[in-house]
Amino acid sequence: MKPDFKVMSQAELRSYVIAHPDDIEAFETLADRAYANPHPQWHQPQDIGRFAELLEQDRATKLAQPDRESSI
């Protein structure tokens, strides 16, 4: 029996896809979530020196937003 991908968190779904690379449905669900993000953030290799700062900004942003994953 397959898990319900719609109730899985982004991290859980990503882990599942890595563990089950042949599961097309899981991959498509993960891809749909990625495409649904209207403001993806891209960083350059030279940003590696700011990794801790960028990670903290990302965490603060996620804490300030309502839980989007539970509604997906």
PDB file of N, CA and C in Angstrom:
ATOM      1  N   MET A   1       0.849  -1.181   0.000  1.00  0.00           N
ATOM      2  CA  MET A   1       0.000   0.000   0.000  1.00  0.00           C
ATOM      3  C   MET A   1       0.898   1.250   0.000  1.00  0.00           C
ATOM      4  N   LYS A   2       0.618   2.160  -0.912  1.00  0.00           N
ATOM      5  CA  LYS A   2       1.395   3.390  -1.019  1.00  0.00           C
ATOM      6  C   LYS A   2       0.933   4.407   0.024  1.00  0.00           C
ATOM      7  N   PRO A   3       1.867   5.230   0.491  1.00  0.00           N
ATOM      8  CA  PRO A   3       1.459   6.306   1.410  1.00  0.00           C
ATOM      9  C   PRO A   3       0.682   7.383   0.659  1.00  0.00           C
ATOM     10  N   ASP A   4      -0.031   8.187   1.418  1.00  0.00           N
ATOM     11  CA  ASP A   4      -0.774   9.310   0.844  1.00  0.00           C
ATOM     12  C   ASP A   4       0.193  10.485   0.703  1.00  0.00           C
ATOM     13  N   PHE A   5       0.646  10.745  -0.514  1.00  0.00           N
ATOM     14  CA  PHE A   5       1.654  11.772  -0.758  1.00  0.00           C
ATOM     15  C   PHE A   5       1.159  13.173  -0.426  1.00  0.00           C
ATOM     16  N   LYS A   6      -0.141  13.386  -0.501  1.00  0.00           N
ATOM     17  CA  LYS A   6      -0.690  14.722  -0.254  1.00  0.00           C
ATOM     18  C   LYS A   6      -0.585  15.142   1.211  1.00  0.00           C
ATOM     19  N   VAL A   7      -0.508  14.183   2.114  1.00  0.00           N
ATOM     20  CA  VAL A   7      -0.407  14.530   3.534  1.00  0.00           C
ATOM     21  C   VAL A   7       1.037  14.501   4.035  1.00  0.00           C
ATOM     22  N   MET A   8       1.954  14.068   3.188  1.00  0.00           N
ATOM     23  CA  MET A   8       3.373  14.027   3.584  1.00  0.00           C
ATOM     24  C   MET A   8       3.964  15.429   3.540  1.00  0.00           C
ATOM     25  N   SER A   9       4.868  15.702   4.457  1.00  0.00           N
ATOM     26  CA  SER A   9       5.584  16.975   4.404  1.00  0.00           C
ATOM     27  C   SER A   9       6.537  16.944   3.209  1.00  0.00           C
ATOM     28  N   GLN A  10       7.039  18.100   2.860  1.00  0.00           N
ATOM     29  CA  GLN A  10       7.980  18.195   1.746  1.00  0.00           C
ATOM     30  C   GLN A  10       9.206  17.318   2.003  1.00  0.00           C
ATOM     31  N   ALA A  11       9.739  17.365   3.213  1.00  0.00           N
ATOM     32  CA  ALA A  11      10.917  16.573   3.556  1.00  0.00           C
ATOM     33  C   ALA A  11      10.615  15.073   3.496  1.00  0.00           C
ATOM     34  N   GLU A  12       9.454  14.672   4.002  1.00  0.00           N
ATOM     35  CA  GLU A  12       9.079  13.256   3.954  1.00  0.00           C
ATOM     36  C   GLU A  12       8.931  12.770   2.521  1.00  0.00           C
ATOM     37  N   LEU A  13       8.284  13.592   1.701  1.00  0.00           N
ATOM     38  CA  LEU A  13       8.081  13.219   0.306  1.00  0.00           C
ATOM     39  C   LEU A  13       9.409  13.127  -0.435  1.00  0.00           C
ATOM     40  N   ARG A  14      10.281  14.077  -0.199  1.00  0.00           N
ATOM     41  CA  ARG A  14      11.601  14.051  -0.835  1.00  0.00           C
ATOM     42  C   ARG A  14      12.369  12.795  -0.429  1.00  0.00           C
ATOM     43  N   SER A  15      12.318  12.439   0.852  1.00  0.00           N
ATOM     44  CA  SER A  15      12.987  11.225   1.327  1.00  0.00           C
ATOM     45  C   SER A  15      12.390   9.981   0.680  1.00  0.00           C
ATOM     46  N   TYR A  16      11.076   9.981   0.547  1.00  0.00           N
ATOM     47  CA  TYR A  16      10.399   8.838  -0.080  1.00  0.00           C
ATOM     48  C   TYR A  16      10.833   8.698  -1.542  1.00  0.00           C
ATOM     49  N   VAL A  17      10.885   9.812  -2.260  1.00  0.00           N
ATOM     50  CA  VAL A  17      11.281   9.779  -3.675  1.00  0.00           C
ATOM     51  C   VAL A  17      12.720   9.278  -3.814  1.00  0.00           C
ATOM     52  N   ILE A  18      13.590   9.706  -2.924  1.00  0.00           N
ATOM     53  CA  ILE A  18      14.983   9.244  -2.965  1.00  0.00           C
ATOM     54  C   ILE A  18      15.045   7.738  -2.709  1.00  0.00           C
ATOM     55  N   ALA A  19      14.250   7.257  -1.770  1.00  0.00           N
ATOM     56  CA  ALA A  19      14.256   5.837  -1.431  1.00  0.00           C
ATOM     57  C   ALA A  19      13.528   4.978  -2.472  1.00  0.00           C
ATOM     58  N   HIS A  20      12.618   5.597  -3.236  1.00  0.00           N
ATOM     59  CA  HIS A  20      11.813   4.873  -4.239  1.00  0.00           C
ATOM     60  C   HIS A  20      11.892   5.601  -5.585  1.00  0.00           C
ATOM     61  N   PRO A  21      13.045   5.583  -6.234  1.00  0.00           N
ATOM     62  CA  PRO A  21      13.237   6.368  -7.456  1.00  0.00           C
ATOM     63  C   PRO A  21      12.357   5.940  -8.637  1.00  0.00           C
ATOM     64  N   ASP A  22      11.774   4.754  -8.586  1.00  0.00           N
ATOM     65  CA  ASP A  22      10.915   4.296  -9.680  1.00  0.00           C
ATOM     66  C   ASP A  22       9.449   4.674  -9.485  1.00  0.00           C
ATOM     67  N   ASP A  23       9.116   5.292  -8.375  1.00  0.00           N
ATOM     68  CA  ASP A  23       7.726   5.666  -8.099  1.00  0.00           C
ATOM     69  C   ASP A  23       7.420   6.994  -8.791  1.00  0.00           C
ATOM     70  N   ILE A  24       6.858   6.902  -9.975  1.00  0.00           N
ATOM     71  CA  ILE A  24       6.584   8.083 -10.801  1.00  0.00           C
ATOM     72  C   ILE A  24       5.550   8.993 -10.138  1.00  0.00           C
ATOM     73  N   GLU A  25       4.538   8.415  -9.523  1.00  0.00           N
ATOM     74  CA  GLU A  25       3.498   9.220  -8.871  1.00  0.00           C
ATOM     75  C   GLU A  25       4.094  10.097  -7.768  1.00  0.00           C
ATOM     76  N   ALA A  26       4.985   9.526  -6.969  1.00  0.00           N
ATOM     77  CA  ALA A  26       5.620  10.290  -5.889  1.00  0.00           C
ATOM     78  C   ALA A  26       6.478  11.411  -6.479  1.00  0.00           C
ATOM     79  N   PHE A  27       7.241  11.084  -7.514  1.00  0.00           N
ATOM     80  CA  PHE A  27       8.081  12.100  -8.145  1.00  0.00           C
ATOM     81  C   PHE A  27       7.237  13.232  -8.716  1.00  0.00           C
ATOM     82  N   GLU A  28       6.150  12.901  -9.385  1.00  0.00           N
ATOM     83  CA  GLU A  28       5.283  13.930  -9.963  1.00  0.00           C
ATOM     84  C   GLU A  28       4.660  14.812  -8.885  1.00  0.00           C
ATOM     85  N   THR A  29       4.303  14.222  -7.758  1.00  0.00           N
ATOM     86  CA  THR A  29       3.758  15.010  -6.646  1.00  0.00           C
ATOM     87  C   THR A  29       4.809  15.983  -6.125  1.00  0.00           C
ATOM     88  N   LEU A  30       6.045  15.505  -5.981  1.00  0.00           N
ATOM     89  CA  LEU A  30       7.138  16.362  -5.534  1.00  0.00           C
ATOM     90  C   LEU A  30       7.403  17.475  -6.548  1.00  0.00           C
ATOM     91  N   ALA A  31       7.405  17.142  -7.826  1.00  0.00           N
ATOM     92  CA  ALA A  31       7.627  18.144  -8.878  1.00  0.00           C
ATOM     93  C   ALA A  31       6.498  19.168  -8.903  1.00  0.00           C
ATOM     94  N   ASP A  32       5.259  18.722  -8.731  1.00  0.00           N
ATOM     95  CA  ASP A  32       4.119  19.646  -8.700  1.00  0.00           C
ATOM     96  C   ASP A  32       4.270  20.656  -7.570  1.00  0.00           C
ATOM     97  N   ARG A  33       4.728  20.195  -6.427  1.00  0.00           N
ATOM     98  CA  ARG A  33       4.938  21.110  -5.307  1.00  0.00           C
ATOM     99  C   ARG A  33       6.038  22.123  -5.621  1.00  0.00           C
ATOM    100  N   ALA A  34       7.084  21.668  -6.263  1.00  0.00           N
ATOM    101  CA  ALA A  34       8.181  22.574  -6.621  1.00  0.00           C
ATOM    102  C   ALA A  34       7.701  23.634  -7.607  1.00  0.00           C
ATOM    103  N   TYR A  35       6.923  23.233  -8.591  1.00  0.00           N
ATOM    104  CA  TYR A  35       6.415  24.192  -9.575  1.00  0.00           C
ATOM    105  C   TYR A  35       5.360  25.118  -8.985  1.00  0.00           C
ATOM    106  N   ALA A  36       4.701  24.701  -7.920  1.00  0.00           N
ATOM    107  CA  ALA A  36       3.672  25.521  -7.278  1.00  0.00           C
ATOM    108  C   ALA A  36       4.266  26.672  -6.485  1.00  0.00           C
ATOM    109  N   ASN A  37       5.561  26.599  -6.165  1.00  0.00           N
ATOM    110  CA  ASN A  37       6.216  27.658  -5.400  1.00  0.00           C
ATOM    111  C   ASN A  37       6.407  28.875  -6.310  1.00  0.00           C
ATOM    112  N   PRO A  38       5.695  29.970  -6.053  1.00  0.00           N
ATOM    113  CA  PRO A  38       5.783  31.128  -6.951  1.00  0.00           C
ATOM    114  C   PRO A  38       7.069  31.939  -6.799  1.00  0.00           C
ATOM    115  N   HIS A  39       7.819  31.713  -5.736  1.00  0.00           N
ATOM    116  CA  HIS A  39       9.015  32.515  -5.489  1.00  0.00           C
ATOM    117  C   HIS A  39      10.201  31.627  -5.092  1.00  0.00           C
ATOM    118  N   PRO A  40      10.673  30.799  -6.024  1.00  0.00           N
ATOM    119  CA  PRO A  40      11.824  29.973  -5.650  1.00  0.00           C
ATOM    120  C   PRO A  40      13.069  30.834  -5.451  1.00  0.00           C
ATOM    121  N   GLN A  41      13.944  30.388  -4.600  1.00  0.00           N
ATOM    122  CA  GLN A  41      15.177  31.122  -4.347  1.00  0.00           C
ATOM    123  C   GLN A  41      16.344  30.339  -4.941  1.00  0.00           C
ATOM    124  N   TRP A  42      17.161  31.037  -5.690  1.00  0.00           N
ATOM    125  CA  TRP A  42      18.342  30.441  -6.287  1.00  0.00           C
ATOM    126  C   TRP A  42      19.555  31.173  -5.755  1.00  0.00           C
ATOM    127  N   HIS A  43      20.577  30.423  -5.427  1.00  0.00           N
ATOM    128  CA  HIS A  43      21.802  31.012  -4.896  1.00  0.00           C
ATOM    129  C   HIS A  43      22.974  30.631  -5.779  1.00  0.00           C
ATOM    130  N   GLN A  44      23.963  31.460  -5.771  1.00  0.00           N
ATOM    131  CA  GLN A  44      25.165  31.256  -6.578  1.00  0.00           C
ATOM    132  C   GLN A  44      26.240  30.573  -5.734  1.00  0.00           C
ATOM    133  N   PRO A  45      27.202  29.915  -6.390  1.00  0.00           N
ATOM    134  CA  PRO A  45      28.281  29.252  -5.637  1.00  0.00           C
ATOM    135  C   PRO A  45      29.033  30.201  -4.701  1.00  0.00           C
ATOM    136  N   GLN A  46      29.158  31.450  -5.084  1.00  0.00           N
ATOM    137  CA  GLN A  46      29.880  32.393  -4.224  1.00  0.00           C
ATOM    138  C   GLN A  46      29.104  32.707  -2.938  1.00  0.00           C
ATOM    139  N   ASP A  47      27.850  32.286  -2.841  1.00  0.00           N
ATOM    140  CA  ASP A  47      27.055  32.501  -1.629  1.00  0.00           C
ATOM    141  C   ASP A  47      27.400  31.511  -0.521  1.00  0.00           C
ATOM    142  N   ILE A  48      28.284  30.554  -0.776  1.00  0.00           N
ATOM    143  CA  ILE A  48      28.594  29.532   0.219  1.00  0.00           C
ATOM    144  C   ILE A  48      29.121  30.146   1.516  1.00  0.00           C
ATOM    145  N   GLY A  49      29.804  31.267   1.415  1.00  0.00           N
ATOM    146  CA  GLY A  49      30.291  31.939   2.610  1.00  0.00           C
ATOM    147  C   GLY A  49      29.175  32.511   3.461  1.00  0.00           C
ATOM    148  N   ARG A  50      27.988  32.678   2.881  1.00  0.00           N
ATOM    149  CA  ARG A  50      26.817  33.210   3.586  1.00  0.00           C
ATOM    150  C   ARG A  50      25.812  32.110   3.921  1.00  0.00           C
ATOM    151  N   PHE A  51      26.237  30.854   3.866  1.00  0.00           N
ATOM    152  CA  PHE A  51      25.314  29.736   4.037  1.00  0.00           C
ATOM    153  C   PHE A  51      24.529  29.824   5.345  1.00  0.00           C
ATOM    154  N   ALA A  52      25.209  30.057   6.451  1.00  0.00           N
ATOM    155  CA  ALA A  52      24.526  30.112   7.753  1.00  0.00           C
ATOM    156  C   ALA A  52      23.489  31.243   7.774  1.00  0.00           C
ATOM    157  N   GLU A  53      23.853  32.381   7.228  1.00  0.00           N
ATOM    158  CA  GLU A  53      22.927  33.521   7.174  1.00  0.00           C
ATOM    159  C   GLU A  53      21.712  33.192   6.304  1.00  0.00           C
ATOM    160  N   LEU A  54      21.939  32.598   5.133  1.00  0.00           N
ATOM    161  CA  LEU A  54      20.841  32.255   4.229  1.00  0.00           C
ATOM    162  C   LEU A  54      19.932  31.198   4.841  1.00  0.00           C
ATOM    163  N   LEU A  55      20.520  30.232   5.529  1.00  0.00           N
ATOM    164  CA  LEU A  55      19.734  29.195   6.178  1.00  0.00           C
ATOM    165  C   LEU A  55      18.847  29.794   7.273  1.00  0.00           C
ATOM    166  N   GLU A  56      19.392  30.703   8.047  1.00  0.00           N
ATOM    167  CA  GLU A  56      18.609  31.354   9.103  1.00  0.00           C
ATOM    168  C   GLU A  56      17.477  32.192   8.505  1.00  0.00           C
ATOM    169  N   GLN A  57      17.735  32.889   7.415  1.00  0.00           N
ATOM    170  CA  GLN A  57      16.688  33.659   6.743  1.00  0.00           C
ATOM    171  C   GLN A  57      15.571  32.743   6.258  1.00  0.00           C
ATOM    172  N   ASP A  58      15.935  31.603   5.692  1.00  0.00           N
ATOM    173  CA  ASP A  58      14.943  30.648   5.206  1.00  0.00           C
ATOM    174  C   ASP A  58      14.092  30.119   6.354  1.00  0.00           C
ATOM    175  N   ARG A  59      14.731  29.780   7.460  1.00  0.00           N
ATOM    176  CA  ARG A  59      13.981  29.294   8.624  1.00  0.00           C
ATOM    177  C   ARG A  59      13.033  30.355   9.167  1.00  0.00           C
ATOM    178  N   ALA A  60      13.493  31.591   9.244  1.00  0.00           N
ATOM    179  CA  ALA A  60      12.648  32.681   9.742  1.00  0.00           C
ATOM    180  C   ALA A  60      11.452  32.901   8.815  1.00  0.00           C
ATOM    181  N   THR A  61      11.685  32.816   7.530  1.00  0.00           N
ATOM    182  CA  THR A  61      10.598  32.986   6.557  1.00  0.00           C
ATOM    183  C   THR A  61       9.566  31.884   6.714  1.00  0.00           C
ATOM    184  N   LYS A  62      10.017  30.654   6.865  1.00  0.00           N
ATOM    185  CA  LYS A  62       9.088  29.530   7.015  1.00  0.00           C
ATOM    186  C   LYS A  62       8.307  29.614   8.318  1.00  0.00           C
ATOM    187  N   LEU A  63       8.933  30.092   9.376  1.00  0.00           N
ATOM    188  CA  LEU A  63       8.230  30.237  10.644  1.00  0.00           C
ATOM    189  C   LEU A  63       7.176  31.333  10.597  1.00  0.00           C
ATOM    190  N   ALA A  64       7.416  32.358   9.785  1.00  0.00           N
ATOM    191  CA  ALA A  64       6.487  33.481   9.686  1.00  0.00           C
ATOM    192  C   ALA A  64       5.282  33.153   8.803  1.00  0.00           C
ATOM    193  N   GLN A  65       5.396  32.129   7.961  1.00  0.00           N
ATOM    194  CA  GLN A  65       4.304  31.773   7.046  1.00  0.00           C
ATOM    195  C   GLN A  65       3.449  30.668   7.659  1.00  0.00           C
ATOM    196  N   PRO A  66       2.178  30.638   7.286  1.00  0.00           N
ATOM    197  CA  PRO A  66       1.357  29.509   7.724  1.00  0.00           C
ATOM    198  C   PRO A  66       1.896  28.216   7.093  1.00  0.00           C
ATOM    199  N   ASP A  67       1.589  27.098   7.669  1.00  0.00           N
ATOM    200  CA  ASP A  67       2.088  25.807   7.185  1.00  0.00           C
ATOM    201  C   ASP A  67       1.456  25.472   5.846  1.00  0.00           C
ATOM    202  N   ARG A  68       2.198  25.742   4.775  1.00  0.00           N
ATOM    203  CA  ARG A  68       1.701  25.472   3.427  1.00  0.00           C
ATOM    204  C   ARG A  68       1.653  23.996   3.135  1.00  0.00           C
ATOM    205  N   GLU A  69       2.594  23.223   3.656  1.00  0.00           N
ATOM    206  CA  GLU A  69       2.670  21.820   3.300  1.00  0.00           C
ATOM    207  C   GLU A  69       1.442  21.029   3.737  1.00  0.00           C
ATOM    208  N   SER A  70       0.850  21.416   4.851  1.00  0.00           N
ATOM    209  CA  SER A  70      -0.312  20.665   5.322  1.00  0.00           C
ATOM    210  C   SER A  70      -1.532  20.919   4.447  1.00  0.00           C
ATOM    211  N   SER A  71      -1.519  21.998   3.668  1.00  0.00           N
ATOM    212  CA  SER A  71      -2.658  22.296   2.811  1.00  0.00           C
ATOM    213  C   SER A  71      -2.462  21.785   1.391  1.00  0.00           C
ATOM    214  N   ILE A  72      -1.301  21.209   1.122  1.00  0.00           N
ATOM    215  CA  ILE A  72      -1.029  20.729  -0.238  1.00  0.00           C
ATOM    216  C   ILE A  72      -1.516  19.315  -0.383  1.00  0.00           C
TER     217      ILE A  72
END
